[in-house]
Amino acid sequence: MVKIVVIGSASIDLVVTASKRPGAGETVLGESFKAVPGGKGANQAVAASRLGAEVTMVGRVGDDLYGEQILNNFKSNGVSIDYVEPVTHMESGTAHIVLAEGDNSIVFVQAANNEVTPGYIDRSIKAFEGADMAIIQQEIPEQSVVHASRVCKKLGIPLLLNPAPARPLAEEVIENAAYITPNEHEAKVLFPDIGVSEALRKYPNKLFVTEGSRGVRYFDGEQEVLVPSYKVDVVDTTGAGDTFNAAFAVALAEGKPIADSVRFANRAASLSVTKFGAQGGMPKRREVEAQM
């Protein structure tokens, strides 16, 4: 069993379903509302655990009922919470999600996730011991992403960076990361002065651009490769990218070739969108292998 450490966000998703997404100043009638565990870091930790990895989460929650719900959800999914510390007198992070017109729109409130600081990462250094792979996202402070990349480089741990939500990256982070997985929008933010194809060639077998229903594109050192996604009946796209990143990290940590790792991750992501909720549809290992 491979060991993965996830540094990132944990929150509660407040999900509204509607037939139409409201415009500015507009009110529309919703169809349903649910509150479920989420946050990119937590999603990726849960997905990796369900796919067979030993997972340790490094994050913060609030000293509130949402925080308790997040911690209990980690426990029920086999994720170690030894380094998920409640922040006194602060609320847990929340993601306000609208599901409409076949896609999602999200407003993320960091709250306690802002306390995943460089100092907190240093206090959690034992979480990194023996890790085969680390995963990080950008729902925590920018300086913490930089610091975590330095820690992983120093310890010799491959770092998979999911640069979401989009913001410019320090060149140091790009160099320190072993794998970077932006979607098309995030890739344009990361590399505003060059096209995607040029960026892929600049970072062969390191930069993987996810293109939704089309698949995942990368440069293997000789040619540009598009690994197609799988066609499924979509219920909820929330968490598909997180499932991809977790599955990709697990497969890479297990020593699978890059192309096979991408295919495994694509299949896991395709299964995740067939059920409601970021974590609700995240598949277990046997489900993915049965569909490969």
C-alpha atoms as a PDB file:
ATOM      1  CA  MET A   1       0.000   0.000   0.000  1.00  0.00           C
ATOM      2  CA  VAL A   2       1.452   3.349  -1.030  1.00  0.00           C
ATOM      3  CA  LYS A   3       1.509   6.261   1.404  1.00  0.00           C
ATOM      4  CA  ILE A   4       0.211   9.661   0.327  1.00  0.00           C
ATOM      5  CA  VAL A   5       0.209  12.930   2.251  1.00  0.00           C
ATOM      6  CA  VAL A   6      -2.298  15.581   1.207  1.00  0.00           C
ATOM      7  CA  ILE A   7      -1.675  19.214   2.156  1.00  0.00           C
ATOM      8  CA  GLY A   8      -4.714  21.368   1.587  1.00  0.00           C
ATOM      9  CA  SER A   9      -8.239  22.464   2.259  1.00  0.00           C
ATOM     10  CA  ALA A  10     -11.146  20.826   4.043  1.00  0.00           C
ATOM     11  CA  SER A  11     -14.593  22.361   4.016  1.00  0.00           C
ATOM     12  CA  ILE A  12     -18.321  21.797   3.855  1.00  0.00           C
ATOM     13  CA  ASP A  13     -19.994  22.059   0.452  1.00  0.00           C
ATOM     14  CA  LEU A  14     -23.336  23.881   0.487  1.00  0.00           C
ATOM     15  CA  VAL A  15     -24.885  22.639  -2.736  1.00  0.00           C
ATOM     16  CA  VAL A  16     -27.918  24.087  -4.496  1.00  0.00           C
ATOM     17  CA  THR A  17     -29.396  22.415  -7.574  1.00  0.00           C
ATOM     18  CA  ALA A  18     -31.360  24.482 -10.082  1.00  0.00           C
ATOM     19  CA  SER A  19     -32.389  24.287 -13.723  1.00  0.00           C
ATOM     20  CA  LYS A  20     -30.879  27.707 -14.395  1.00  0.00           C
ATOM     21  CA  ARG A  21     -27.916  29.635 -13.010  1.00  0.00           C
ATOM     22  CA  PRO A  22     -28.960  33.119 -11.809  1.00  0.00           C
ATOM     23  CA  GLY A  23     -27.492  36.187 -13.446  1.00  0.00           C
ATOM     24  CA  ALA A  24     -26.500  39.367 -11.626  1.00  0.00           C
ATOM     25  CA  GLY A  25     -29.462  40.649  -9.585  1.00  0.00           C
ATOM     26  CA  GLU A  26     -31.596  37.652 -10.525  1.00  0.00           C
ATOM     27  CA  THR A  27     -33.409  35.178  -8.268  1.00  0.00           C
ATOM     28  CA  VAL A  28     -34.298  31.693  -9.485  1.00  0.00           C
ATOM     29  CA  LEU A  29     -36.095  28.818  -7.794  1.00  0.00           C
ATOM     30  CA  GLY A  30     -33.863  25.992  -6.664  1.00  0.00           C
ATOM     31  CA  GLU A  31     -34.695  22.309  -6.757  1.00  0.00           C
ATOM     32  CA  SER A  32     -32.682  20.959  -3.809  1.00  0.00           C
ATOM     33  CA  PHE A  33     -30.106  21.808  -1.150  1.00  0.00           C
ATOM     34  CA  LYS A  34     -27.546  19.599   0.584  1.00  0.00           C
ATOM     35  CA  ALA A  35     -24.571  20.176   2.903  1.00  0.00           C
ATOM     36  CA  VAL A  36     -21.792  17.620   2.342  1.00  0.00           C
ATOM     37  CA  PRO A  37     -18.049  17.382   3.131  1.00  0.00           C
ATOM     38  CA  GLY A  38     -15.742  18.877   0.513  1.00  0.00           C
ATOM     39  CA  GLY A  39     -12.698  21.058  -0.086  1.00  0.00           C
ATOM     40  CA  LYS A  40     -10.147  20.122  -2.733  1.00  0.00           C
ATOM     41  CA  GLY A  41      -7.650  18.762  -0.236  1.00  0.00           C
ATOM     42  CA  ALA A  42     -10.229  16.692   1.609  1.00  0.00           C
ATOM     43  CA  ASN A  43     -11.752  15.450  -1.644  1.00  0.00           C
ATOM     44  CA  GLN A  44      -8.387  14.269  -2.908  1.00  0.00           C
ATOM     45  CA  ALA A  45      -7.546  12.639   0.420  1.00  0.00           C
ATOM     46  CA  VAL A  46     -10.836  10.711   0.495  1.00  0.00           C
ATOM     47  CA  ALA A  47     -10.516   9.679  -3.152  1.00  0.00           C
ATOM     48  CA  ALA A  48      -6.952   8.423  -2.659  1.00  0.00           C
ATOM     49  CA  SER A  49      -7.988   6.434   0.412  1.00  0.00           C
ATOM     50  CA  ARG A  50     -10.888   4.808  -1.441  1.00  0.00           C
ATOM     51  CA  LEU A  51      -8.453   3.874  -4.206  1.00  0.00           C
ATOM     52  CA  GLY A  52      -6.281   1.924  -1.802  1.00  0.00           C
ATOM     53  CA  ALA A  53      -3.646   4.351  -0.518  1.00  0.00           C
ATOM     54  CA  GLU A  54      -2.688   5.029   3.102  1.00  0.00           C
ATOM     55  CA  VAL A  55      -3.537   8.721   3.371  1.00  0.00           C
ATOM     56  CA  THR A  56      -2.597  11.391   5.889  1.00  0.00           C
ATOM     57  CA  MET A  57      -4.254  14.803   5.700  1.00  0.00           C
ATOM     58  CA  VAL A  58      -2.472  18.019   6.697  1.00  0.00           C
ATOM     59  CA  GLY A  59      -5.098  20.742   7.138  1.00  0.00           C
ATOM     60  CA  ARG A  60      -7.188  22.858   9.501  1.00  0.00           C
ATOM     61  CA  VAL A  61     -10.875  23.029  10.350  1.00  0.00           C
ATOM     62  CA  GLY A  62     -12.910  25.404  12.466  1.00  0.00           C
ATOM     63  CA  ASP A  63     -13.963  24.915  16.044  1.00  0.00           C
ATOM     64  CA  ASP A  64     -17.573  24.370  14.987  1.00  0.00           C
ATOM     65  CA  LEU A  65     -20.112  21.738  13.967  1.00  0.00           C
ATOM     66  CA  TYR A  66     -18.870  21.784  10.387  1.00  0.00           C
ATOM     67  CA  GLY A  67     -15.382  21.021  11.685  1.00  0.00           C
ATOM     68  CA  GLU A  68     -16.681  18.006  13.596  1.00  0.00           C
ATOM     69  CA  GLN A  69     -18.494  16.812  10.485  1.00  0.00           C
ATOM     70  CA  ILE A  70     -15.340  17.131   8.389  1.00  0.00           C
ATOM     71  CA  LEU A  71     -13.239  15.194  10.918  1.00  0.00           C
ATOM     72  CA  ASN A  72     -15.824  12.424  11.242  1.00  0.00           C
ATOM     73  CA  ASN A  73     -15.965  12.121   7.475  1.00  0.00           C
ATOM     74  CA  PHE A  74     -12.188  11.676   7.303  1.00  0.00           C
ATOM     75  CA  LYS A  75     -12.379   8.941   9.926  1.00  0.00           C
ATOM     76  CA  SER A  76     -15.163   7.090   8.126  1.00  0.00           C
ATOM     77  CA  ASN A  77     -13.095   7.143   4.922  1.00  0.00           C
ATOM     78  CA  GLY A  78      -9.891   5.874   6.516  1.00  0.00           C
ATOM     79  CA  VAL A  79      -7.945   9.156   6.282  1.00  0.00           C
ATOM     80  CA  SER A  80      -5.564   9.919   9.152  1.00  0.00           C
ATOM     81  CA  ILE A  81      -6.469  13.174  10.945  1.00  0.00           C
ATOM     82  CA  ASP A  82      -3.431  13.304  13.232  1.00  0.00           C
ATOM     83  CA  TYR A  83      -2.459  16.554  11.480  1.00  0.00           C
ATOM     84  CA  VAL A  84      -5.900  18.134  11.024  1.00  0.00           C
ATOM     85  CA  GLU A  85      -6.116  20.579  13.924  1.00  0.00           C
ATOM     86  CA  PRO A  86      -9.205  22.653  14.807  1.00  0.00           C
ATOM     87  CA  VAL A  87      -8.654  26.419  14.913  1.00  0.00           C
ATOM     88  CA  THR A  88     -10.146  28.002  18.029  1.00  0.00           C
ATOM     89  CA  HIS A  89     -12.778  30.721  17.464  1.00  0.00           C
ATOM     90  CA  MET A  90     -12.780  30.370  13.675  1.00  0.00           C
ATOM     91  CA  GLU A  91     -15.334  28.843  11.315  1.00  0.00           C
ATOM     92  CA  SER A  92     -14.593  25.981   8.963  1.00  0.00           C
ATOM     93  CA  GLY A  93     -14.196  26.631   5.263  1.00  0.00           C
ATOM     94  CA  THR A  94     -17.274  26.476   3.062  1.00  0.00           C
ATOM     95  CA  ALA A  95     -17.852  26.066  -0.664  1.00  0.00           C
ATOM     96  CA  HIS A  96     -21.095  27.526  -2.030  1.00  0.00           C
ATOM     97  CA  ILE A  97     -21.956  25.484  -5.105  1.00  0.00           C
ATOM     98  CA  VAL A  98     -24.658  25.950  -7.731  1.00  0.00           C
ATOM     99  CA  LEU A  99     -25.364  22.946  -9.960  1.00  0.00           C
ATOM    100  CA  ALA A 100     -27.166  24.137 -13.070  1.00  0.00           C
ATOM    101  CA  GLU A 101     -27.140  23.704 -16.845  1.00  0.00           C
ATOM    102  CA  GLY A 102     -24.949  20.595 -16.681  1.00  0.00           C
ATOM    103  CA  ASP A 103     -22.051  22.194 -14.776  1.00  0.00           C
ATOM    104  CA  ASN A 104     -21.135  23.839 -11.477  1.00  0.00           C
ATOM    105  CA  SER A 105     -20.234  27.316 -10.197  1.00  0.00           C
ATOM    106  CA  ILE A 106     -18.391  27.619  -6.880  1.00  0.00           C
ATOM    107  CA  VAL A 107     -17.571  30.368  -4.370  1.00  0.00           C
ATOM    108  CA  PHE A 108     -15.021  29.116  -1.819  1.00  0.00           C
ATOM    109  CA  VAL A 109     -14.592  30.766   1.597  1.00  0.00           C
ATOM    110  CA  GLN A 110     -11.198  29.764   3.033  1.00  0.00           C
ATOM    111  CA  ALA A 111     -11.795  30.550   6.752  1.00  0.00           C
ATOM    112  CA  ALA A 112      -9.797  27.974   8.799  1.00  0.00           C
ATOM    113  CA  ASN A 113      -7.977  26.813   5.669  1.00  0.00           C
ATOM    114  CA  ASN A 114      -6.017  30.080   5.833  1.00  0.00           C
ATOM    115  CA  GLU A 115      -4.352  28.633   8.930  1.00  0.00           C
ATOM    116  CA  VAL A 116      -2.562  25.954   6.914  1.00  0.00           C
ATOM    117  CA  THR A 117       0.521  28.137   7.219  1.00  0.00           C
ATOM    118  CA  PRO A 118       4.209  27.372   6.576  1.00  0.00           C
ATOM    119  CA  GLY A 119       4.630  27.106  10.344  1.00  0.00           C
ATOM    120  CA  TYR A 120       1.784  24.606  10.594  1.00  0.00           C
ATOM    121  CA  ILE A 121       3.326  22.544   7.794  1.00  0.00           C
ATOM    122  CA  ASP A 122       6.602  22.483   9.726  1.00  0.00           C
ATOM    123  CA  ARG A 123       4.757  21.336  12.865  1.00  0.00           C
ATOM    124  CA  SER A 124       3.229  18.541  10.769  1.00  0.00           C
ATOM    125  CA  ILE A 125       6.528  17.366   9.310  1.00  0.00           C
ATOM    126  CA  LYS A 126       6.110  13.810  10.648  1.00  0.00           C
ATOM    127  CA  ALA A 127       3.156  13.419   8.277  1.00  0.00           C
ATOM    128  CA  PHE A 128       5.640  13.457   5.403  1.00  0.00           C
ATOM    129  CA  GLU A 129       7.786  10.616   6.740  1.00  0.00           C
ATOM    130  CA  GLY A 130       7.798   7.648   4.382  1.00  0.00           C
ATOM    131  CA  ALA A 131       5.393   9.274   1.912  1.00  0.00           C
ATOM    132  CA  ASP A 132       5.533   7.976  -1.664  1.00  0.00           C
ATOM    133  CA  MET A 133       3.703  11.039  -3.006  1.00  0.00           C
ATOM    134  CA  ALA A 134       2.412  14.404  -1.793  1.00  0.00           C
ATOM    135  CA  ILE A 135      -0.593  16.252  -3.219  1.00  0.00           C
ATOM    136  CA  ILE A 136      -1.319  19.961  -2.841  1.00  0.00           C
ATOM    137  CA  GLN A 137      -3.840  22.483  -4.215  1.00  0.00           C
ATOM    138  CA  GLN A 138      -4.332  26.269  -3.968  1.00  0.00           C
ATOM    139  CA  GLU A 139      -7.196  26.686  -1.504  1.00  0.00           C
ATOM    140  CA  ILE A 140      -4.573  27.405   1.164  1.00  0.00           C
ATOM    141  CA  PRO A 141      -2.229  30.434   1.353  1.00  0.00           C
ATOM    142  CA  GLU A 142       0.172  30.949  -1.535  1.00  0.00           C
ATOM    143  CA  GLN A 143       3.215  31.011   0.738  1.00  0.00           C
ATOM    144  CA  SER A 144       2.192  27.635   2.153  1.00  0.00           C
ATOM    145  CA  VAL A 145       2.211  26.081  -1.319  1.00  0.00           C
ATOM    146  CA  VAL A 146       5.708  27.473  -1.877  1.00  0.00           C
ATOM    147  CA  HIS A 147       6.889  26.174   1.501  1.00  0.00           C
ATOM    148  CA  ALA A 148       5.378  22.716   1.009  1.00  0.00           C
ATOM    149  CA  SER A 149       7.114  22.443  -2.363  1.00  0.00           C
ATOM    150  CA  ARG A 150      10.437  23.174  -0.644  1.00  0.00           C
ATOM    151  CA  VAL A 151       9.742  20.596   2.053  1.00  0.00           C
ATOM    152  CA  CYS A 152       8.943  17.923  -0.518  1.00  0.00           C
ATOM    153  CA  LYS A 153      12.034  18.743  -2.552  1.00  0.00           C
ATOM    154  CA  LYS A 154      14.236  18.552   0.552  1.00  0.00           C
ATOM    155  CA  LEU A 155      12.719  15.215   1.600  1.00  0.00           C
ATOM    156  CA  GLY A 156      12.765  13.776  -1.930  1.00  0.00           C
ATOM    157  CA  ILE A 157       8.998  13.286  -2.063  1.00  0.00           C
ATOM    158  CA  PRO A 158       7.354  13.705  -5.505  1.00  0.00           C
ATOM    159  CA  LEU A 159       4.795  16.518  -5.346  1.00  0.00           C
ATOM    160  CA  LEU A 160       1.644  16.590  -7.459  1.00  0.00           C
ATOM    161  CA  LEU A 161       0.361  20.146  -7.690  1.00  0.00           C
ATOM    162  CA  ASN A 162      -3.258  20.707  -8.668  1.00  0.00           C
ATOM    163  CA  PRO A 163      -3.138  24.503  -9.314  1.00  0.00           C
ATOM    164  CA  ALA A 164      -6.776  25.197  -8.462  1.00  0.00           C
ATOM    165  CA  PRO A 165      -8.229  27.697  -7.966  1.00  0.00           C
ATOM    166  CA  ALA A 166      -6.192  29.462 -10.620  1.00  0.00           C
ATOM    167  CA  ARG A 167      -3.502  31.958  -9.642  1.00  0.00           C
ATOM    168  CA  PRO A 168       0.015  32.600 -10.942  1.00  0.00           C
ATOM    169  CA  LEU A 169       2.661  30.200  -9.684  1.00  0.00           C
ATOM    170  CA  ALA A 170       6.185  31.052  -8.581  1.00  0.00           C
ATOM    171  CA  GLU A 171       8.762  29.504 -10.902  1.00  0.00           C
ATOM    172  CA  GLU A 172      10.236  27.800  -7.839  1.00  0.00           C
ATOM    173  CA  VAL A 173       7.007  25.863  -7.257  1.00  0.00           C
ATOM    174  CA  ILE A 174       6.844  24.777 -10.887  1.00  0.00           C
ATOM    175  CA  GLU A 175      10.409  23.498 -10.672  1.00  0.00           C
ATOM    176  CA  ASN A 176       9.893  21.766  -7.328  1.00  0.00           C
ATOM    177  CA  ALA A 177       6.715  19.954  -8.392  1.00  0.00           C
ATOM    178  CA  ALA A 178       7.024  16.577 -10.070  1.00  0.00           C
ATOM    179  CA  TYR A 179       3.579  16.804 -11.700  1.00  0.00           C
ATOM    180  CA  ILE A 180       1.282  19.773 -12.406  1.00  0.00           C
ATOM    181  CA  THR A 181      -2.350  19.226 -13.418  1.00  0.00           C
ATOM    182  CA  PRO A 182      -4.188  22.401 -14.483  1.00  0.00           C
ATOM    183  CA  ASN A 183      -7.382  22.487 -16.474  1.00  0.00           C
ATOM    184  CA  GLU A 184      -7.456  24.609 -19.635  1.00  0.00           C
ATOM    185  CA  HIS A 185      -8.376  27.838 -17.808  1.00  0.00           C
ATOM    186  CA  GLU A 186      -5.740  27.306 -15.124  1.00  0.00           C
ATOM    187  CA  ALA A 187      -3.094  26.551 -17.748  1.00  0.00           C
ATOM    188  CA  LYS A 188      -3.696  29.958 -19.352  1.00  0.00           C
ATOM    189  CA  VAL A 189      -3.234  31.635 -15.954  1.00  0.00           C
ATOM    190  CA  LEU A 190      -0.023  29.714 -15.275  1.00  0.00           C
ATOM    191  CA  PHE A 191       1.451  30.295 -18.729  1.00  0.00           C
ATOM    192  CA  PRO A 192      -0.074  33.548 -20.041  1.00  0.00           C
ATOM    193  CA  ASP A 193       2.745  34.268 -22.498  1.00  0.00           C
ATOM    194  CA  ILE A 194       2.834  30.920 -24.285  1.00  0.00           C
ATOM    195  CA  GLY A 195       0.251  28.530 -25.702  1.00  0.00           C
ATOM    196  CA  VAL A 196      -0.677  25.227 -24.107  1.00  0.00           C
ATOM    197  CA  SER A 197       1.275  23.178 -26.636  1.00  0.00           C
ATOM    198  CA  GLU A 198       4.420  25.195 -26.001  1.00  0.00           C
ATOM    199  CA  ALA A 199       3.973  24.854 -22.247  1.00  0.00           C
ATOM    200  CA  LEU A 200       3.538  21.079 -22.583  1.00  0.00           C
ATOM    201  CA  ARG A 201       6.779  20.837 -24.553  1.00  0.00           C
ATOM    202  CA  LYS A 202       8.557  22.957 -21.978  1.00  0.00           C
ATOM    203  CA  TYR A 203       7.519  20.535 -19.224  1.00  0.00           C
ATOM    204  CA  PRO A 204       7.441  17.023 -20.740  1.00  0.00           C
ATOM    205  CA  ASN A 205       5.872  14.316 -18.562  1.00  0.00           C
ATOM    206  CA  LYS A 206       5.314  16.974 -15.899  1.00  0.00           C
ATOM    207  CA  LEU A 207       2.497  19.189 -17.148  1.00  0.00           C
ATOM    208  CA  PHE A 208      -0.866  17.471 -17.656  1.00  0.00           C
ATOM    209  CA  VAL A 209      -3.737  19.642 -18.906  1.00  0.00           C
ATOM    210  CA  THR A 210      -7.192  18.266 -18.175  1.00  0.00           C
ATOM    211  CA  GLU A 211      -9.715  19.055 -20.907  1.00  0.00           C
ATOM    212  CA  GLY A 212     -12.965  17.803 -19.419  1.00  0.00           C
ATOM    213  CA  SER A 213     -14.873  15.447 -21.677  1.00  0.00           C
ATOM    214  CA  ARG A 214     -12.022  15.376 -24.217  1.00  0.00           C
ATOM    215  CA  GLY A 215      -9.468  13.890 -21.838  1.00  0.00           C
ATOM    216  CA  VAL A 216      -5.974  14.805 -20.659  1.00  0.00           C
ATOM    217  CA  ARG A 217      -3.144  16.223 -22.769  1.00  0.00           C
ATOM    218  CA  TYR A 218       0.616  16.027 -22.132  1.00  0.00           C
ATOM    219  CA  PHE A 219       3.937  15.867 -23.987  1.00  0.00           C
ATOM    220  CA  ASP A 220       5.833  12.602 -23.554  1.00  0.00           C
ATOM    221  CA  GLY A 221       9.195  13.917 -24.779  1.00  0.00           C
ATOM    222  CA  GLU A 222       8.539  13.024 -28.406  1.00  0.00           C
ATOM    223  CA  GLN A 223       4.942  13.926 -29.161  1.00  0.00           C
ATOM    224  CA  GLU A 224       1.827  15.509 -27.722  1.00  0.00           C
ATOM    225  CA  VAL A 225      -0.519  12.867 -26.344  1.00  0.00           C
ATOM    226  CA  LEU A 226      -4.256  13.127 -25.677  1.00  0.00           C
ATOM    227  CA  VAL A 227      -5.585  10.377 -23.421  1.00  0.00           C
ATOM    228  CA  PRO A 228      -9.350  10.358 -24.004  1.00  0.00           C
ATOM    229  CA  SER A 229     -11.898  10.370 -21.220  1.00  0.00           C
ATOM    230  CA  TYR A 230     -14.739   7.869 -20.836  1.00  0.00           C
ATOM    231  CA  LYS A 231     -18.328   8.635 -21.805  1.00  0.00           C
ATOM    232  CA  VAL A 232     -20.837   8.323 -18.957  1.00  0.00           C
ATOM    233  CA  ASP A 233     -24.205   9.734 -17.928  1.00  0.00           C
ATOM    234  CA  VAL A 234     -23.309  12.818 -15.911  1.00  0.00           C
ATOM    235  CA  VAL A 235     -25.139  13.601 -12.655  1.00  0.00           C
ATOM    236  CA  ASP A 236     -22.729  15.996 -10.906  1.00  0.00           C
ATOM    237  CA  THR A 237     -19.303  17.151 -12.137  1.00  0.00           C
ATOM    238  CA  THR A 238     -18.240  18.497  -8.719  1.00  0.00           C
ATOM    239  CA  GLY A 239     -15.135  16.639  -7.553  1.00  0.00           C
ATOM    240  CA  ALA A 240     -14.247  15.053 -10.890  1.00  0.00           C
ATOM    241  CA  GLY A 241     -10.959  16.926 -11.047  1.00  0.00           C
ATOM    242  CA  ASP A 242     -10.158  15.998  -7.453  1.00  0.00           C
ATOM    243  CA  THR A 243     -10.832  12.336  -8.201  1.00  0.00           C
ATOM    244  CA  PHE A 244      -8.556  12.541 -11.249  1.00  0.00           C
ATOM    245  CA  ASN A 245      -5.708  14.037  -9.225  1.00  0.00           C
ATOM    246  CA  ALA A 246      -6.011  11.505  -6.421  1.00  0.00           C
ATOM    247  CA  ALA A 247      -6.177   8.553  -8.810  1.00  0.00           C
ATOM    248  CA  PHE A 248      -3.270   9.899 -10.865  1.00  0.00           C
ATOM    249  CA  ALA A 249      -1.173  10.273  -7.706  1.00  0.00           C
ATOM    250  CA  VAL A 250      -2.030   6.771  -6.475  1.00  0.00           C
ATOM    251  CA  ALA A 251      -1.191   5.167  -9.821  1.00  0.00           C
ATOM    252  CA  LEU A 252       2.091   7.070 -10.134  1.00  0.00           C
ATOM    253  CA  ALA A 253       3.058   6.218  -6.553  1.00  0.00           C
ATOM    254  CA  GLU A 254       2.425   2.554  -7.352  1.00  0.00           C
ATOM    255  CA  GLY A 255       4.911   2.797 -10.219  1.00  0.00           C
ATOM    256  CA  LYS A 256       2.474   2.632 -13.127  1.00  0.00           C
ATOM    257  CA  PRO A 257       3.676   4.185 -16.421  1.00  0.00           C
ATOM    258  CA  ILE A 258       2.427   7.702 -17.054  1.00  0.00           C
ATOM    259  CA  ALA A 259      -0.007   6.787 -19.854  1.00  0.00           C
ATOM    260  CA  ASP A 260      -1.527   3.993 -17.752  1.00  0.00           C
ATOM    261  CA  SER A 261      -1.739   6.316 -14.756  1.00  0.00           C
ATOM    262  CA  VAL A 262      -3.657   8.886 -16.784  1.00  0.00           C
ATOM    263  CA  ARG A 263      -6.059   6.231 -18.093  1.00  0.00           C
ATOM    264  CA  PHE A 264      -6.658   4.954 -14.560  1.00  0.00           C
ATOM    265  CA  ALA A 265      -7.293   8.509 -13.350  1.00  0.00           C
ATOM    266  CA  ASN A 266      -9.631   9.251 -16.271  1.00  0.00           C
ATOM    267  CA  ARG A 267     -11.678   6.157 -15.506  1.00  0.00           C
ATOM    268  CA  ALA A 268     -11.922   7.035 -11.801  1.00  0.00           C
ATOM    269  CA  ALA A 269     -12.976  10.604 -12.656  1.00  0.00           C
ATOM    270  CA  SER A 270     -15.598   9.358 -15.107  1.00  0.00           C
ATOM    271  CA  LEU A 271     -17.179   7.197 -12.418  1.00  0.00           C
ATOM    272  CA  SER A 272     -17.176  10.071  -9.922  1.00  0.00           C
ATOM    273  CA  VAL A 273     -19.578  12.194 -11.987  1.00  0.00           C
ATOM    274  CA  THR A 274     -22.295   9.528 -12.079  1.00  0.00           C
ATOM    275  CA  LYS A 275     -23.443  10.306  -8.512  1.00  0.00           C
ATOM    276  CA  PHE A 276     -24.235  13.427  -6.481  1.00  0.00           C
ATOM    277  CA  GLY A 277     -21.632  15.284  -4.435  1.00  0.00           C
ATOM    278  CA  ALA A 278     -17.905  15.874  -4.682  1.00  0.00           C
ATOM    279  CA  GLN A 279     -17.203  12.802  -2.571  1.00  0.00           C
ATOM    280  CA  GLY A 280     -20.495  10.992  -3.083  1.00  0.00           C
ATOM    281  CA  GLY A 281     -19.461   9.507  -6.399  1.00  0.00           C
ATOM    282  CA  MET A 282     -15.779   8.887  -5.701  1.00  0.00           C
ATOM    283  CA  PRO A 283     -15.212   5.228  -6.568  1.00  0.00           C
ATOM    284  CA  LYS A 284     -13.431   2.499  -4.662  1.00  0.00           C
ATOM    285  CA  ARG A 285     -10.490   0.673  -6.209  1.00  0.00           C
ATOM    286  CA  ARG A 286     -12.446  -2.409  -7.214  1.00  0.00           C
ATOM    287  CA  GLU A 287     -15.019  -0.280  -9.051  1.00  0.00           C
ATOM    288  CA  VAL A 288     -12.346   1.390 -11.165  1.00  0.00           C
ATOM    289  CA  GLU A 289     -10.500  -1.813 -11.948  1.00  0.00           C
ATOM    290  CA  ALA A 290     -13.752  -3.494 -12.952  1.00  0.00           C
ATOM    291  CA  GLN A 291     -14.294  -0.776 -15.581  1.00  0.00           C
ATOM    292  CA  MET A 292     -10.763  -0.567 -16.968  1.00  0.00           C
END
